[in-house]
Amino acid sequence: MPLNPARRRWVGALGAAAALAATGVALVPARAARKPVVEVWKSATCGCCHEWVAHLEKHGFQVKTHDVDAPGDYREKFGLPQKYGSCHTAKVEGYVLEGHVPAREIERLLRERPQALGLAVPGMPVGSPGMEVGSRKDPYDVLLVARDGRASVYQSYR
């Protein structure tokens, strides 16, 4: 029995969906899959900053980078105390991100929406996103920084 044109399109679409599913491509509406833009201020020559940006993009974030001479100036401009400093500063939906913050914690921040200035990974701990060195992973904390400059541990990586 021949298929009518509407049913033929439906069967074709079902076949295409099955083929995509077999390749591991997620069938999610584009709007649901989009994450916010993370705007990053970094040095043009910093390799680990480039790797952190790649980590965010791999996890679905859109990233807009600004190569600047003094990334720390942006940390100060956004009100983050120097003691939480690292090699790059970013902003996402009103929050400040300092250093090699894992995408997982950024996603959590945006889901939970705490009253805070943002997240920081002070220094440049080996094993944090963008700071991978073989299998070495030094312990570090992701800090939730309050607007008054105090911080608490948001997530520990051991």
Protein backbone atom coordinates (compact mmCIF):
# COMPACT_ATOMS: atom_id res chain seq x y z
CA MET A 1 0.00 0.00 0.00
CA PRO A 2 1.59 3.37 -1.01
CA LEU A 3 2.10 6.02 1.68
CA ASN A 4 0.36 9.34 1.35
CA PRO A 5 2.72 12.39 1.16
CA ALA A 6 2.19 13.47 4.81
CA ARG A 7 2.83 9.97 6.11
CA ARG A 8 5.88 9.63 3.83
CA ARG A 9 7.37 12.86 5.34
CA TRP A 10 6.67 11.58 8.85
CA VAL A 11 8.34 8.23 8.14
CA GLY A 12 11.29 10.05 6.53
CA ALA A 13 11.66 12.33 9.53
CA LEU A 14 11.50 9.33 11.87
CA GLY A 15 14.25 7.63 9.85
CA ALA A 16 16.40 10.76 9.95
CA ALA A 17 15.90 11.03 13.72
CA ALA A 18 16.92 7.40 14.17
CA ALA A 19 20.03 7.95 12.05
CA LEU A 20 21.01 11.02 14.10
CA ALA A 21 20.37 9.18 17.36
CA ALA A 22 22.62 6.35 16.20
CA THR A 23 25.46 8.85 15.70
CA GLY A 24 25.03 10.28 19.21
CA VAL A 25 23.67 13.65 18.05
CA ALA A 26 21.25 15.02 20.63
CA LEU A 27 17.78 15.86 19.41
CA VAL A 28 17.24 18.96 21.51
CA PRO A 29 15.62 22.18 20.36
CA ALA A 30 18.36 24.70 19.51
CA ARG A 31 17.11 27.23 22.05
CA ALA A 32 17.22 24.68 24.90
CA ALA A 33 20.78 23.63 24.00
CA ARG A 34 22.18 27.18 23.88
CA LYS A 35 24.08 28.42 26.87
CA PRO A 36 24.82 32.06 27.63
CA VAL A 37 27.78 34.01 26.32
CA VAL A 38 30.82 34.06 28.59
CA GLU A 39 32.85 37.20 27.97
CA VAL A 40 36.57 36.74 28.76
CA TRP A 41 39.36 39.29 29.27
CA LYS A 42 42.76 37.63 28.82
CA SER A 43 46.27 38.12 27.51
CA ALA A 44 46.70 37.34 23.80
CA THR A 45 49.72 35.15 24.56
CA CYS A 46 48.29 33.06 27.41
CA GLY A 47 47.97 29.44 26.32
CA CYS A 48 46.11 28.27 29.41
CA CYS A 49 43.47 30.98 28.88
CA HIS A 50 42.97 29.67 25.35
CA GLU A 51 42.57 26.14 26.74
CA TRP A 52 40.01 27.31 29.33
CA VAL A 53 38.00 28.98 26.57
CA ALA A 54 38.11 25.69 24.61
CA HIS A 55 36.86 23.87 27.74
CA LEU A 56 33.87 26.22 27.97
CA GLU A 57 33.08 25.86 24.27
CA LYS A 58 33.32 22.06 24.55
CA HIS A 59 30.63 22.30 27.25
CA GLY A 60 28.33 24.35 25.04
CA PHE A 61 29.07 27.89 26.17
CA GLN A 62 29.40 30.65 23.63
CA VAL A 63 32.59 32.61 24.36
CA LYS A 64 33.58 36.12 23.37
CA THR A 65 37.23 36.89 24.12
CA HIS A 66 39.00 40.22 24.55
CA ASP A 67 42.79 40.17 24.32
CA VAL A 68 43.98 42.90 26.67
CA ASP A 69 47.32 44.05 28.08
CA ALA A 70 46.25 43.87 31.73
CA PRO A 71 43.50 41.32 32.47
CA GLY A 72 43.79 42.12 36.18
CA ASP A 73 42.40 45.59 35.49
CA TYR A 74 39.08 43.93 34.65
CA ARG A 75 39.10 41.93 37.86
CA GLU A 76 39.42 45.23 39.73
CA LYS A 77 36.80 46.93 37.55
CA PHE A 78 34.31 44.15 38.32
CA GLY A 79 34.97 44.39 42.08
CA LEU A 80 36.74 41.10 42.65
CA PRO A 81 39.48 41.32 45.30
CA GLN A 82 43.02 40.77 44.07
CA LYS A 83 43.54 37.84 46.47
CA TYR A 84 41.26 35.72 44.24
CA GLY A 85 43.23 36.59 41.10
CA SER A 86 44.30 34.34 38.29
CA CYS A 87 45.27 34.90 34.66
CA HIS A 88 41.90 35.82 33.17
CA THR A 89 38.60 37.36 34.22
CA ALA A 90 35.19 36.65 32.71
CA LYS A 91 31.56 37.61 33.09
CA VAL A 92 28.43 35.58 32.48
CA GLU A 93 24.91 36.83 33.11
CA GLY A 94 26.10 39.39 35.65
CA TYR A 95 28.45 37.07 37.53
CA VAL A 96 32.25 37.44 37.59
CA LEU A 97 34.36 34.36 36.88
CA GLU A 98 38.03 34.44 37.82
CA GLY A 99 40.52 31.84 36.74
CA HIS A 100 40.08 28.24 35.69
CA VAL A 101 36.50 27.67 36.88
CA PRO A 102 35.11 24.35 35.59
CA ALA A 103 32.11 24.58 33.24
CA ARG A 104 30.21 22.33 35.64
CA GLU A 105 30.37 24.95 38.39
CA ILE A 106 29.38 27.75 36.00
CA GLU A 107 26.33 25.71 34.99
CA ARG A 108 25.50 25.18 38.67
CA LEU A 109 25.94 28.90 39.40
CA LEU A 110 23.53 29.81 36.62
CA ARG A 111 21.04 27.18 37.78
CA GLU A 112 21.12 28.13 41.48
CA ARG A 113 21.52 31.92 41.02
CA PRO A 114 23.02 32.68 44.46
CA GLN A 115 23.32 36.26 45.69
CA ALA A 116 27.05 36.61 44.95
CA LEU A 117 29.63 38.42 42.91
CA GLY A 118 30.73 35.19 41.25
CA LEU A 119 33.16 32.29 41.28
CA ALA A 120 36.94 32.19 41.53
CA VAL A 121 39.72 29.64 41.28
CA PRO A 122 42.67 31.63 42.64
CA GLY A 123 46.09 31.05 41.15
CA MET A 124 46.50 28.51 38.42
CA PRO A 125 46.11 25.03 39.95
CA VAL A 126 47.42 22.17 37.84
CA GLY A 127 44.58 19.91 36.74
CA SER A 128 41.95 22.64 36.61
CA PRO A 129 40.37 23.21 33.17
CA GLY A 130 43.01 24.70 30.89
CA MET A 131 45.82 23.80 33.29
CA GLU A 132 46.09 20.10 32.48
CA VAL A 133 49.59 18.63 32.77
CA GLY A 134 49.51 14.92 32.00
CA SER A 135 47.66 13.03 34.71
CA ARG A 136 48.72 15.41 37.51
CA LYS A 137 45.81 16.98 39.38
CA ASP A 138 46.53 19.24 42.32
CA PRO A 139 43.68 19.81 44.76
CA TYR A 140 41.86 23.14 44.48
CA ASP A 141 38.68 24.89 45.51
CA VAL A 142 36.16 26.83 43.50
CA LEU A 143 35.17 29.78 45.69
CA LEU A 144 31.82 31.53 45.78
CA VAL A 145 32.72 35.19 46.26
CA ALA A 146 30.19 37.40 48.01
CA ARG A 147 29.67 41.04 47.05
CA ASP A 148 31.49 42.11 50.22
CA GLY A 149 34.61 40.18 49.13
CA ARG A 150 34.27 37.27 51.52
CA ALA A 151 34.34 33.78 50.02
CA SER A 152 33.23 30.28 50.83
CA VAL A 153 34.05 26.97 49.19
CA TYR A 154 31.52 26.30 46.45
CA GLN A 155 33.11 23.04 45.30
CA SER A 156 36.31 21.20 46.18
CA TYR A 157 38.29 19.21 43.67
CA ARG A 158 40.56 16.64 45.31
